[in-house]
Amino acid sequence: MVGLWLGLTAKNPNRAASASVLRVLILPGGVWSLLLLVLSLNAMRGGHESSFNFFVGLWFVLGLVADIAFSVWARNKLLTQFRLAATQRYLSGAGFFRRLFTGSEPGAGTPVVVAARE
């Protein structure tokens, strides 16, 4: 689901793929590494020393929490903003100089038509 939403909204496919990998794989691994560092430093200062099974379980739980959280986020975005995101790609936005001199946002002045949900 994360890849679907990011593929729909990203500027190019490489950015969508790298953002998906970052959210699903690298972010939980980074959090796990930081927790591992903190717990190891605590054990060196005389605190409780954790077992190998605890660290494997922590890695599994962090990965599962990240997967669930990002998939719920992406599912919500797909269900509520799919039409708007799909049409944004094909709207003609204001040019660079028009945005520069008028201060308007990209796509301002272009009507956005979104069908109502029934």
PDB file of N, CA and C in Angstrom:
ATOM      1  N   MET A   1       0.807  -1.191   0.000  1.00  0.00           N
ATOM      2  CA  MET A   1       0.000   0.000   0.000  1.00  0.00           C
ATOM      3  C   MET A   1       0.860   1.269   0.000  1.00  0.00           C
ATOM      4  N   VAL A   2       1.946   1.226   0.747  1.00  0.00           N
ATOM      5  CA  VAL A   2       2.818   2.397   0.810  1.00  0.00           C
ATOM      6  C   VAL A   2       3.386   2.687  -0.568  1.00  0.00           C
ATOM      7  N   GLY A   3       3.809   1.654  -1.256  1.00  0.00           N
ATOM      8  CA  GLY A   3       4.340   1.823  -2.601  1.00  0.00           C
ATOM      9  C   GLY A   3       3.301   2.332  -3.580  1.00  0.00           C
ATOM     10  N   LEU A   4       2.061   1.882  -3.432  1.00  0.00           N
ATOM     11  CA  LEU A   4       0.991   2.362  -4.309  1.00  0.00           C
ATOM     12  C   LEU A   4       0.770   3.864  -4.140  1.00  0.00           C
ATOM     13  N   TRP A   5       0.662   4.309  -2.896  1.00  0.00           N
ATOM     14  CA  TRP A   5       0.413   5.732  -2.666  1.00  0.00           C
ATOM     15  C   TRP A   5       1.600   6.579  -3.105  1.00  0.00           C
ATOM     16  N   LEU A   6       2.799   6.143  -2.748  1.00  0.00           N
ATOM     17  CA  LEU A   6       3.969   6.931  -3.117  1.00  0.00           C
ATOM     18  C   LEU A   6       4.209   6.903  -4.620  1.00  0.00           C
ATOM     19  N   GLY A   7       3.882   5.804  -5.271  1.00  0.00           N
ATOM     20  CA  GLY A   7       3.990   5.743  -6.722  1.00  0.00           C
ATOM     21  C   GLY A   7       3.023   6.688  -7.412  1.00  0.00           C
ATOM     22  N   LEU A   8       1.875   6.907  -6.791  1.00  0.00           N
ATOM     23  CA  LEU A   8       0.881   7.815  -7.353  1.00  0.00           C
ATOM     24  C   LEU A   8       1.271   9.273  -7.159  1.00  0.00           C
ATOM     25  N   THR A   9       1.917   9.589  -6.046  1.00  0.00           N
ATOM     26  CA  THR A   9       2.178  10.989  -5.729  1.00  0.00           C
ATOM     27  C   THR A   9       3.610  11.443  -5.973  1.00  0.00           C
ATOM     28  N   ALA A  10       4.547  10.544  -6.192  1.00  0.00           N
ATOM     29  CA  ALA A  10       5.952  10.929  -6.349  1.00  0.00           C
ATOM     30  C   ALA A  10       6.208  11.521  -7.734  1.00  0.00           C
ATOM     31  N   LYS A  11       7.272  12.298  -7.825  1.00  0.00           N
ATOM     32  CA  LYS A  11       7.644  12.934  -9.089  1.00  0.00           C
ATOM     33  C   LYS A  11       8.163  11.919 -10.109  1.00  0.00           C
ATOM     34  N   ASN A  12       8.886  10.913  -9.646  1.00  0.00           N
ATOM     35  CA  ASN A  12       9.383   9.883 -10.554  1.00  0.00           C
ATOM     36  C   ASN A  12       9.430   8.535  -9.830  1.00  0.00           C
ATOM     37  N   PRO A  13       9.534   7.435 -10.567  1.00  0.00           N
ATOM     38  CA  PRO A  13       9.497   6.106  -9.954  1.00  0.00           C
ATOM     39  C   PRO A  13      10.641   5.838  -8.977  1.00  0.00           C
ATOM     40  N   ASN A  14      11.808   6.387  -9.237  1.00  0.00           N
ATOM     41  CA  ASN A  14      12.939   6.165  -8.330  1.00  0.00           C
ATOM     42  C   ASN A  14      12.680   6.784  -6.959  1.00  0.00           C
ATOM     43  N   ARG A  15      12.077   7.953  -6.948  1.00  0.00           N
ATOM     44  CA  ARG A  15      11.761   8.612  -5.680  1.00  0.00           C
ATOM     45  C   ARG A  15      10.699   7.828  -4.911  1.00  0.00           C
ATOM     46  N   ALA A  16       9.727   7.274  -5.608  1.00  0.00           N
ATOM     47  CA  ALA A  16       8.679   6.483  -4.954  1.00  0.00           C
ATOM     48  C   ALA A  16       9.260   5.207  -4.355  1.00  0.00           C
ATOM     49  N   ALA A  17      10.131   4.535  -5.102  1.00  0.00           N
ATOM     50  CA  ALA A  17      10.723   3.291  -4.603  1.00  0.00           C
ATOM     51  C   ALA A  17      11.635   3.550  -3.408  1.00  0.00           C
ATOM     52  N   SER A  18      12.452   4.582  -3.501  1.00  0.00           N
ATOM     53  CA  SER A  18      13.365   4.851  -2.391  1.00  0.00           C
ATOM     54  C   SER A  18      12.610   5.321  -1.144  1.00  0.00           C
ATOM     55  N   ALA A  19      11.531   6.071  -1.311  1.00  0.00           N
ATOM     56  CA  ALA A  19      10.736   6.485  -0.154  1.00  0.00           C
ATOM     57  C   ALA A  19      10.032   5.298   0.491  1.00  0.00           C
ATOM     58  N   SER A  20       9.584   4.353  -0.317  1.00  0.00           N
ATOM     59  CA  SER A  20       8.953   3.144   0.234  1.00  0.00           C
ATOM     60  C   SER A  20       9.955   2.313   1.020  1.00  0.00           C
ATOM     61  N   VAL A  21      11.128   2.115   0.461  1.00  0.00           N
ATOM     62  CA  VAL A  21      12.168   1.342   1.148  1.00  0.00           C
ATOM     63  C   VAL A  21      12.590   2.041   2.433  1.00  0.00           C
ATOM     64  N   LEU A  22      12.707   3.345   2.390  1.00  0.00           N
ATOM     65  CA  LEU A  22      13.078   4.094   3.582  1.00  0.00           C
ATOM     66  C   LEU A  22      12.064   3.900   4.696  1.00  0.00           C
ATOM     67  N   ARG A  23      10.783   4.015   4.377  1.00  0.00           N
ATOM     68  CA  ARG A  23       9.749   3.898   5.404  1.00  0.00           C
ATOM     69  C   ARG A  23       9.602   2.490   5.944  1.00  0.00           C
ATOM     70  N   VAL A  24       9.653   1.487   5.079  1.00  0.00           N
ATOM     71  CA  VAL A  24       9.335   0.124   5.494  1.00  0.00           C
ATOM     72  C   VAL A  24      10.557  -0.641   5.997  1.00  0.00           C
ATOM     73  N   LEU A  25      11.727  -0.384   5.459  1.00  0.00           N
ATOM     74  CA  LEU A  25      12.910  -1.162   5.830  1.00  0.00           C
ATOM     75  C   LEU A  25      13.924  -0.400   6.675  1.00  0.00           C
ATOM     76  N   ILE A  26      14.287   0.788   6.241  1.00  0.00           N
ATOM     77  CA  ILE A  26      15.399   1.482   6.882  1.00  0.00           C
ATOM     78  C   ILE A  26      14.986   2.158   8.186  1.00  0.00           C
ATOM     79  N   LEU A  27      13.820   2.764   8.234  1.00  0.00           N
ATOM     80  CA  LEU A  27      13.381   3.436   9.460  1.00  0.00           C
ATOM     81  C   LEU A  27      13.278   2.482  10.658  1.00  0.00           C
ATOM     82  N   PRO A  28      12.618   1.324  10.534  1.00  0.00           N
ATOM     83  CA  PRO A  28      12.607   0.403  11.691  1.00  0.00           C
ATOM     84  C   PRO A  28      13.997  -0.112  12.056  1.00  0.00           C
ATOM     85  N   GLY A  29      14.842  -0.327  11.065  1.00  0.00           N
ATOM     86  CA  GLY A  29      16.206  -0.763  11.346  1.00  0.00           C
ATOM     87  C   GLY A  29      17.014   0.289  12.076  1.00  0.00           C
ATOM     88  N   GLY A  30      16.810   1.551  11.710  1.00  0.00           N
ATOM     89  CA  GLY A  30      17.502   2.641  12.396  1.00  0.00           C
ATOM     90  C   GLY A  30      17.050   2.789  13.834  1.00  0.00           C
ATOM     91  N   VAL A  31      15.740   2.692  14.055  1.00  0.00           N
ATOM     92  CA  VAL A  31      15.218   2.766  15.426  1.00  0.00           C
ATOM     93  C   VAL A  31      15.727   1.593  16.250  1.00  0.00           C
ATOM     94  N   TRP A  32      15.750   0.406  15.645  1.00  0.00           N
ATOM     95  CA  TRP A  32      16.262  -0.784  16.337  1.00  0.00           C
ATOM     96  C   TRP A  32      17.741  -0.608  16.692  1.00  0.00           C
ATOM     97  N   SER A  33      18.519  -0.048  15.775  1.00  0.00           N
ATOM     98  CA  SER A  33      19.941   0.172  16.040  1.00  0.00           C
ATOM     99  C   SER A  33      20.155   1.157  17.186  1.00  0.00           C
ATOM    100  N   LEU A  34      19.363   2.219  17.218  1.00  0.00           N
ATOM    101  CA  LEU A  34      19.494   3.183  18.313  1.00  0.00           C
ATOM    102  C   LEU A  34      19.104   2.563  19.656  1.00  0.00           C
ATOM    103  N   LEU A  35      18.029   1.782  19.677  1.00  0.00           N
ATOM    104  CA  LEU A  35      17.642   1.101  20.913  1.00  0.00           C
ATOM    105  C   LEU A  35      18.700   0.091  21.337  1.00  0.00           C
ATOM    106  N   LEU A  36      19.270  -0.599  20.376  1.00  0.00           N
ATOM    107  CA  LEU A  36      20.342  -1.554  20.663  1.00  0.00           C
ATOM    108  C   LEU A  36      21.539  -0.844  21.280  1.00  0.00           C
ATOM    109  N   LEU A  37      21.887   0.311  20.751  1.00  0.00           N
ATOM    110  CA  LEU A  37      22.994   1.091  21.288  1.00  0.00           C
ATOM    111  C   LEU A  37      22.718   1.539  22.714  1.00  0.00           C
ATOM    112  N   VAL A  38      21.512   2.069  22.945  1.00  0.00           N
ATOM    113  CA  VAL A  38      21.164   2.545  24.284  1.00  0.00           C
ATOM    114  C   VAL A  38      21.164   1.395  25.291  1.00  0.00           C
ATOM    115  N   LEU A  39      20.577   0.267  24.925  1.00  0.00           N
ATOM    116  CA  LEU A  39      20.534  -0.874  25.840  1.00  0.00           C
ATOM    117  C   LEU A  39      21.926  -1.458  26.086  1.00  0.00           C
ATOM    118  N   SER A  40      22.785  -1.459  25.084  1.00  0.00           N
ATOM    119  CA  SER A  40      24.150  -1.958  25.260  1.00  0.00           C
ATOM    120  C   SER A  40      24.963  -1.040  26.165  1.00  0.00           C
ATOM    121  N   LEU A  41      24.813   0.269  25.972  1.00  0.00           N
ATOM    122  CA  LEU A  41      25.516   1.209  26.850  1.00  0.00           C
ATOM    123  C   LEU A  41      25.008   1.109  28.286  1.00  0.00           C
ATOM    124  N   ASN A  42      23.727   0.863  28.445  1.00  0.00           N
ATOM    125  CA  ASN A  42      23.163   0.676  29.776  1.00  0.00           C
ATOM    126  C   ASN A  42      23.718  -0.593  30.428  1.00  0.00           C
ATOM    127  N   ALA A  43      23.887  -1.641  29.647  1.00  0.00           N
ATOM    128  CA  ALA A  43      24.437  -2.889  30.184  1.00  0.00           C
ATOM    129  C   ALA A  43      25.900  -2.710  30.572  1.00  0.00           C
ATOM    130  N   MET A  44      26.627  -1.870  29.836  1.00  0.00           N
ATOM    131  CA  MET A  44      28.033  -1.622  30.172  1.00  0.00           C
ATOM    132  C   MET A  44      28.170  -0.847  31.478  1.00  0.00           C
ATOM    133  N   ARG A  45      27.170  -0.041  31.809  1.00  0.00           N
ATOM    134  CA  ARG A  45      27.208   0.737  33.051  1.00  0.00           C
ATOM    135  C   ARG A  45      26.709  -0.062  34.242  1.00  0.00           C
ATOM    136  N   GLY A  46      26.413  -1.323  34.049  1.00  0.00           N
ATOM    137  CA  GLY A  46      25.994  -2.170  35.154  1.00  0.00           C
ATOM    138  C   GLY A  46      24.510  -2.447  35.186  1.00  0.00           C
ATOM    139  N   GLY A  47      23.796  -2.106  34.132  1.00  0.00           N
ATOM    140  CA  GLY A  47      22.355  -2.357  34.071  1.00  0.00           C
ATOM    141  C   GLY A  47      22.069  -3.794  33.660  1.00  0.00           C
ATOM    142  N   HIS A  48      20.819  -4.067  33.398  1.00  0.00           N
ATOM    143  CA  HIS A  48      20.380  -5.409  33.005  1.00  0.00           C
ATOM    144  C   HIS A  48      20.883  -5.732  31.600  1.00  0.00           C
ATOM    145  N   GLU A  49      21.458  -6.898  31.437  1.00  0.00           N
ATOM    146  CA  GLU A  49      21.949  -7.325  30.127  1.00  0.00           C
ATOM    147  C   GLU A  49      20.870  -8.137  29.434  1.00  0.00           C
ATOM    148  N   SER A  50      20.447  -7.703  28.262  1.00  0.00           N
ATOM    149  CA  SER A  50      19.364  -8.360  27.530  1.00  0.00           C
ATOM    150  C   SER A  50      19.895  -9.526  26.722  1.00  0.00           C
ATOM    151  N   SER A  51      19.016 -10.486  26.450  1.00  0.00           N
ATOM    152  CA  SER A  51      19.416 -11.685  25.712  1.00  0.00           C
ATOM    153  C   SER A  51      19.259 -11.472  24.203  1.00  0.00           C
ATOM    154  N   PHE A  52      19.791 -12.415  23.468  1.00  0.00           N
ATOM    155  CA  PHE A  52      19.691 -12.397  22.012  1.00  0.00           C
ATOM    156  C   PHE A  52      18.234 -12.466  21.576  1.00  0.00           C
ATOM    157  N   ASN A  53      17.426 -13.277  22.239  1.00  0.00           N
ATOM    158  CA  ASN A  53      16.010 -13.419  21.878  1.00  0.00           C
ATOM    159  C   ASN A  53      15.248 -12.103  22.048  1.00  0.00           C
ATOM    160  N   PHE A  54      15.617 -11.326  23.054  1.00  0.00           N
ATOM    161  CA  PHE A  54      14.973 -10.027  23.251  1.00  0.00           C
ATOM    162  C   PHE A  54      15.240  -9.107  22.067  1.00  0.00           C
ATOM    163  N   PHE A  55      16.473  -9.079  21.593  1.00  0.00           N
ATOM    164  CA  PHE A  55      16.815  -8.195  20.477  1.00  0.00           C
ATOM    165  C   PHE A  55      16.153  -8.641  19.176  1.00  0.00           C
ATOM    166  N   VAL A  56      16.056  -9.939  18.961  1.00  0.00           N
ATOM    167  CA  VAL A  56      15.364 -10.439  17.766  1.00  0.00           C
ATOM    168  C   VAL A  56      13.874 -10.111  17.848  1.00  0.00           C
ATOM    169  N   GLY A  57      13.277 -10.297  19.022  1.00  0.00           N
ATOM    170  CA  GLY A  57      11.873  -9.953  19.211  1.00  0.00           C
ATOM    171  C   GLY A  57      11.619  -8.464  19.036  1.00  0.00           C
ATOM    172  N   LEU A  58      12.538  -7.646  19.540  1.00  0.00           N
ATOM    173  CA  LEU A  58      12.419  -6.191  19.383  1.00  0.00           C
ATOM    174  C   LEU A  58      12.478  -5.803  17.917  1.00  0.00           C
ATOM    175  N   TRP A  59      13.381  -6.420  17.166  1.00  0.00           N
ATOM    176  CA  TRP A  59      13.491  -6.161  15.725  1.00  0.00           C
ATOM    177  C   TRP A  59      12.187  -6.544  15.019  1.00  0.00           C
ATOM    178  N   PHE A  60      11.630  -7.698  15.370  1.00  0.00           N
ATOM    179  CA  PHE A  60      10.396  -8.169  14.749  1.00  0.00           C
ATOM    180  C   PHE A  60       9.233  -7.231  15.074  1.00  0.00           C
ATOM    181  N   VAL A  61       9.089  -6.827  16.323  1.00  0.00           N
ATOM    182  CA  VAL A  61       7.988  -5.964  16.742  1.00  0.00           C
ATOM    183  C   VAL A  61       8.111  -4.586  16.099  1.00  0.00           C
ATOM    184  N   LEU A  62       9.297  -4.017  16.062  1.00  0.00           N
ATOM    185  CA  LEU A  62       9.481  -2.705  15.425  1.00  0.00           C
ATOM    186  C   LEU A  62       9.129  -2.747  13.939  1.00  0.00           C
ATOM    187  N   GLY A  63       9.553  -3.812  13.265  1.00  0.00           N
ATOM    188  CA  GLY A  63       9.210  -3.958  11.850  1.00  0.00           C
ATOM    189  C   GLY A  63       7.718  -4.107  11.637  1.00  0.00           C
ATOM    190  N   LEU A  64       7.074  -4.880  12.490  1.00  0.00           N
ATOM    191  CA  LEU A  64       5.638  -5.083  12.375  1.00  0.00           C
ATOM    192  C   LEU A  64       4.858  -3.797  12.656  1.00  0.00           C
ATOM    193  N   VAL A  65       5.268  -3.060  13.675  1.00  0.00           N
ATOM    194  CA  VAL A  65       4.603  -1.788  13.994  1.00  0.00           C
ATOM    195  C   VAL A  65       4.764  -0.795  12.850  1.00  0.00           C
ATOM    196  N   ALA A  66       5.957  -0.703  12.283  1.00  0.00           N
ATOM    197  CA  ALA A  66       6.171   0.216  11.160  1.00  0.00           C
ATOM    198  C   ALA A  66       5.343  -0.198   9.947  1.00  0.00           C
ATOM    199  N   ASP A  67       5.295  -1.492   9.653  1.00  0.00           N
ATOM    200  CA  ASP A  67       4.504  -1.966   8.519  1.00  0.00           C
ATOM    201  C   ASP A  67       3.025  -1.645   8.704  1.00  0.00           C
ATOM    202  N   ILE A  68       2.502  -1.909   9.880  1.00  0.00           N
ATOM    203  CA  ILE A  68       1.082  -1.648  10.133  1.00  0.00           C
ATOM    204  C   ILE A  68       0.792  -0.150  10.089  1.00  0.00           C
ATOM    205  N   ALA A  69       1.634   0.647  10.732  1.00  0.00           N
ATOM    206  CA  ALA A  69       1.391   2.090  10.781  1.00  0.00           C
ATOM    207  C   ALA A  69       1.431   2.708   9.384  1.00  0.00           C
ATOM    208  N   PHE A  70       2.439   2.390   8.601  1.00  0.00           N
ATOM    209  CA  PHE A  70       2.538   2.985   7.271  1.00  0.00           C
ATOM    210  C   PHE A  70       1.488   2.435   6.316  1.00  0.00           C
ATOM    211  N   SER A  71       1.077   1.177   6.478  1.00  0.00           N
ATOM    212  CA  SER A  71       0.036   0.653   5.595  1.00  0.00           C
ATOM    213  C   SER A  71      -1.324   1.252   5.925  1.00  0.00           C
ATOM    214  N   VAL A  72      -1.616   1.502   7.198  1.00  0.00           N
ATOM    215  CA  VAL A  72      -2.872   2.170   7.568  1.00  0.00           C
ATOM    216  C   VAL A  72      -2.871   3.597   7.030  1.00  0.00           C
ATOM    217  N   TRP A  73      -1.735   4.299   7.152  1.00  0.00           N
ATOM    218  CA  TRP A  73      -1.617   5.648   6.621  1.00  0.00           C
ATOM    219  C   TRP A  73      -1.849   5.671   5.107  1.00  0.00           C
ATOM    220  N   ALA A  74      -1.193   4.749   4.392  1.00  0.00           N
ATOM    221  CA  ALA A  74      -1.307   4.724   2.935  1.00  0.00           C
ATOM    222  C   ALA A  74      -2.714   4.311   2.503  1.00  0.00           C
ATOM    223  N   ARG A  75      -3.321   3.371   3.201  1.00  0.00           N
ATOM    224  CA  ARG A  75      -4.681   2.950   2.864  1.00  0.00           C
ATOM    225  C   ARG A  75      -5.655   4.112   3.042  1.00  0.00           C
ATOM    226  N   ASN A  76      -5.502   4.848   4.122  1.00  0.00           N
ATOM    227  CA  ASN A  76      -6.364   6.002   4.350  1.00  0.00           C
ATOM    228  C   ASN A  76      -6.194   7.038   3.237  1.00  0.00           C
ATOM    229  N   LYS A  77      -4.954   7.294   2.843  1.00  0.00           N
ATOM    230  CA  LYS A  77      -4.695   8.246   1.761  1.00  0.00           C
ATOM    231  C   LYS A  77      -5.308   7.758   0.445  1.00  0.00           C
ATOM    232  N   LEU A  78      -5.158   6.462   0.150  1.00  0.00           N
ATOM    233  CA  LEU A  78      -5.708   5.933  -1.092  1.00  0.00           C
ATOM    234  C   LEU A  78      -7.226   5.999  -1.106  1.00  0.00           C
ATOM    235  N   LEU A  79      -7.864   5.729   0.018  1.00  0.00           N
ATOM    236  CA  LEU A  79      -9.317   5.741   0.059  1.00  0.00           C
ATOM    237  C   LEU A  79      -9.900   7.152   0.047  1.00  0.00           C
ATOM    238  N   THR A  80      -9.193   8.120   0.600  1.00  0.00           N
ATOM    239  CA  THR A  80      -9.761   9.468   0.714  1.00  0.00           C
ATOM    240  C   THR A  80      -9.248  10.452  -0.331  1.00  0.00           C
ATOM    241  N   GLN A  81      -8.034  10.274  -0.827  1.00  0.00           N
ATOM    242  CA  GLN A  81      -7.444  11.280  -1.708  1.00  0.00           C
ATOM    243  C   GLN A  81      -6.985  10.743  -3.055  1.00  0.00           C
ATOM    244  N   PHE A  82      -7.459   9.570  -3.441  1.00  0.00           N
ATOM    245  CA  PHE A  82      -6.989   8.950  -4.680  1.00  0.00           C
ATOM    246  C   PHE A  82      -7.329   9.799  -5.907  1.00  0.00           C
ATOM    247  N   ARG A  83      -8.573  10.227  -6.017  1.00  0.00           N
ATOM    248  CA  ARG A  83      -8.981  10.995  -7.206  1.00  0.00           C
ATOM    249  C   ARG A  83      -8.234  12.316  -7.305  1.00  0.00           C
ATOM    250  N   LEU A  84      -8.094  12.976  -6.197  1.00  0.00           N
ATOM    251  CA  LEU A  84      -7.385  14.260  -6.193  1.00  0.00           C
ATOM    252  C   LEU A  84      -5.921  14.073  -6.589  1.00  0.00           C
ATOM    253  N   ALA A  85      -5.277  13.056  -6.041  1.00  0.00           N
ATOM    254  CA  ALA A  85      -3.866  12.809  -6.364  1.00  0.00           C
ATOM    255  C   ALA A  85      -3.694  12.392  -7.817  1.00  0.00           C
ATOM    256  N   ALA A  86      -4.644  11.629  -8.351  1.00  0.00           N
ATOM    257  CA  ALA A  86      -4.544  11.185  -9.742  1.00  0.00           C
ATOM    258  C   ALA A  86      -4.736  12.349 -10.708  1.00  0.00           C
ATOM    259  N   THR A  87      -5.585  13.310 -10.353  1.00  0.00           N
ATOM    260  CA  THR A  87      -5.802  14.436 -11.262  1.00  0.00           C
ATOM    261  C   THR A  87      -4.729  15.509 -11.128  1.00  0.00           C
ATOM    262  N   GLN A  88      -4.049  15.594 -10.001  1.00  0.00           N
ATOM    263  CA  GLN A  88      -3.020  16.616  -9.810  1.00  0.00           C
ATOM    264  C   GLN A  88      -1.897  16.479 -10.827  1.00  0.00           C
ATOM    265  N   ARG A  89      -1.595  15.284 -11.240  1.00  0.00           N
ATOM    266  CA  ARG A  89      -0.502  15.070 -12.174  1.00  0.00           C
ATOM    267  C   ARG A  89      -0.798  15.691 -13.530  1.00  0.00           C
ATOM    268  N   TYR A  90      -2.071  15.778 -13.904  1.00  0.00           N
ATOM    269  CA  TYR A  90      -2.418  16.223 -15.243  1.00  0.00           C
ATOM    270  C   TYR A  90      -2.902  17.666 -15.297  1.00  0.00           C
ATOM    271  N   LEU A  91      -2.907  18.357 -14.175  1.00  0.00           N
ATOM    272  CA  LEU A  91      -3.304  19.761 -14.175  1.00  0.00           C
ATOM    273  C   LEU A  91      -2.151  20.621 -14.681  1.00  0.00           C
ATOM    274  N   SER A  92      -2.506  21.632 -15.448  1.00  0.00           N
ATOM    275  CA  SER A  92      -1.461  22.535 -15.916  1.00  0.00           C
ATOM    276  C   SER A  92      -1.269  23.618 -14.860  1.00  0.00           C
ATOM    277  N   GLY A  93      -0.079  23.697 -14.346  1.00  0.00           N
ATOM    278  CA  GLY A  93       0.224  24.677 -13.308  1.00  0.00           C
ATOM    279  C   GLY A  93       0.702  25.983 -13.905  1.00  0.00           C
ATOM    280  N   ALA A  94       0.764  26.998 -13.079  1.00  0.00           N
ATOM    281  CA  ALA A  94       1.278  28.289 -13.520  1.00  0.00           C
ATOM    282  C   ALA A  94       2.778  28.158 -13.780  1.00  0.00           C
ATOM    283  N   GLY A  95       3.278  28.918 -14.737  1.00  0.00           N
ATOM    284  CA  GLY A  95       4.690  28.889 -15.065  1.00  0.00           C
ATOM    285  C   GLY A  95       5.553  29.481 -13.962  1.00  0.00           C
ATOM    286  N   PHE A  96       6.852  29.318 -14.105  1.00  0.00           N
ATOM    287  CA  PHE A  96       7.786  29.772 -13.082  1.00  0.00           C
ATOM    288  C   PHE A  96       7.698  31.278 -12.857  1.00  0.00           C
ATOM    289  N   PHE A  97       7.700  32.052 -13.936  1.00  0.00           N
ATOM    290  CA  PHE A  97       7.683  33.506 -13.788  1.00  0.00           C
ATOM    291  C   PHE A  97       6.342  34.012 -13.261  1.00  0.00           C
ATOM    292  N   ARG A  98       5.257  33.362 -13.634  1.00  0.00           N
ATOM    293  CA  ARG A  98       3.952  33.770 -13.103  1.00  0.00           C
ATOM    294  C   ARG A  98       3.897  33.524 -11.595  1.00  0.00           C
ATOM    295  N   ARG A  99       4.419  32.389 -11.131  1.00  0.00           N
ATOM    296  CA  ARG A  99       4.459  32.121  -9.690  1.00  0.00           C
ATOM    297  C   ARG A  99       5.395  33.088  -8.986  1.00  0.00           C
ATOM    298  N   LEU A 100       6.498  33.430  -9.644  1.00  0.00           N
ATOM    299  CA  LEU A 100       7.480  34.313  -9.052  1.00  0.00           C
ATOM    300  C   LEU A 100       6.920  35.721  -8.851  1.00  0.00           C
ATOM    301  N   PHE A 101       6.234  36.248  -9.858  1.00  0.00           N
ATOM    302  CA  PHE A 101       5.771  37.639  -9.794  1.00  0.00           C
ATOM    303  C   PHE A 101       4.403  37.809  -9.155  1.00  0.00           C
ATOM    304  N   THR A 102       3.566  36.774  -9.194  1.00  0.00           N
ATOM    305  CA  THR A 102       2.236  36.909  -8.598  1.00  0.00           C
ATOM    306  C   THR A 102       2.146  36.257  -7.231  1.00  0.00           C
ATOM    307  N   GLY A 103       3.085  35.410  -6.890  1.00  0.00           N
ATOM    308  CA  GLY A 103       3.074  34.758  -5.586  1.00  0.00           C
ATOM    309  C   GLY A 103       2.066  33.632  -5.481  1.00  0.00           C
ATOM    310  N   SER A 104       1.526  33.186  -6.617  1.00  0.00           N
ATOM    311  CA  SER A 104       0.541  32.105  -6.561  1.00  0.00           C
ATOM    312  C   SER A 104       1.241  30.761  -6.463  1.00  0.00           C
ATOM    313  N   GLU A 105       0.540  29.806  -5.931  1.00  0.00           N
ATOM    314  CA  GLU A 105       1.073  28.458  -5.771  1.00  0.00           C
ATOM    315  C   GLU A 105       0.954  27.709  -7.089  1.00  0.00           C
ATOM    316  N   PRO A 106       1.745  26.641  -7.274  1.00  0.00           N
ATOM    317  CA  PRO A 106       1.600  25.844  -8.490  1.00  0.00           C
ATOM    318  C   PRO A 106       0.195  25.263  -8.573  1.00  0.00           C
ATOM    319  N   GLY A 107      -0.414  25.402  -9.721  1.00  0.00           N
ATOM    320  CA  GLY A 107      -1.760  24.891  -9.912  1.00  0.00           C
ATOM    321  C   GLY A 107      -2.841  25.853  -9.473  1.00  0.00           C
ATOM    322  N   ALA A 108      -2.473  27.015  -8.918  1.00  0.00           N
ATOM    323  CA  ALA A 108      -3.473  27.990  -8.499  1.00  0.00           C
ATOM    324  C   ALA A 108      -4.102  28.597  -9.741  1.00  0.00           C
ATOM    325  N   GLY A 109      -5.366  28.828  -9.677  1.00  0.00           N
ATOM    326  CA  GLY A 109      -6.068  29.352 -10.816  1.00  0.00           C
ATOM    327  C   GLY A 109      -6.613  28.266 -11.710  1.00  0.00           C
ATOM    328  N   THR A 110      -6.183  27.047 -11.539  1.00  0.00           N
ATOM    329  CA  THR A 110      -6.689  25.925 -12.283  1.00  0.00           C
ATOM    330  C   THR A 110      -7.720  25.217 -11.427  1.00  0.00           C
ATOM    331  N   PRO A 111      -8.966  25.129 -11.892  1.00  0.00           N
ATOM    332  CA  PRO A 111      -9.986  24.504 -11.062  1.00  0.00           C
ATOM    333  C   PRO A 111      -9.734  23.012 -10.895  1.00  0.00           C
ATOM    334  N   VAL A 112      -9.976  22.536  -9.697  1.00  0.00           N
ATOM    335  CA  VAL A 112      -9.829  21.120  -9.389  1.00  0.00           C
ATOM    336  C   VAL A 112     -11.236  20.550  -9.245  1.00  0.00           C
ATOM    337  N   VAL A 113     -11.523  19.544 -10.032  1.00  0.00           N
ATOM    338  CA  VAL A 113     -12.840  18.916  -9.997  1.00  0.00           C
ATOM    339  C   VAL A 113     -12.689  17.579  -9.295  1.00  0.00           C
ATOM    340  N   VAL A 114     -13.395  17.427  -8.185  1.00  0.00           N
ATOM    341  CA  VAL A 114     -13.365  16.193  -7.435  1.00  0.00           C
ATOM    342  C   VAL A 114     -14.786  15.711  -7.279  1.00  0.00           C
ATOM    343  N   ALA A 115     -15.040  14.486  -7.684  1.00  0.00           N
ATOM    344  CA  ALA A 115     -16.390  13.933  -7.582  1.00  0.00           C
ATOM    345  C   ALA A 115     -16.715  13.632  -6.124  1.00  0.00           C
ATOM    346  N   ALA A 116     -17.946  13.876  -5.749  1.00  0.00           N
ATOM    347  CA  ALA A 116     -18.370  13.613  -4.362  1.00  0.00           C
ATOM    348  C   ALA A 116     -18.563  12.118  -4.160  1.00  0.00           C
ATOM    349  N   ARG A 117     -18.199  11.656  -2.990  1.00  0.00           N
ATOM    350  CA  ARG A 117     -18.395  10.244  -2.622  1.00  0.00           C
ATOM    351  C   ARG A 117     -19.836  10.041  -2.211  1.00  0.00           C
ATOM    352  N   GLU A 118     -20.382   8.963  -2.642  1.00  0.00           N
ATOM    353  CA  GLU A 118     -21.748   8.649  -2.237  1.00  0.00           C
ATOM    354  C   GLU A 118     -21.767   7.483  -1.317  1.00  0.00           C
TER     355      GLU A 118
END
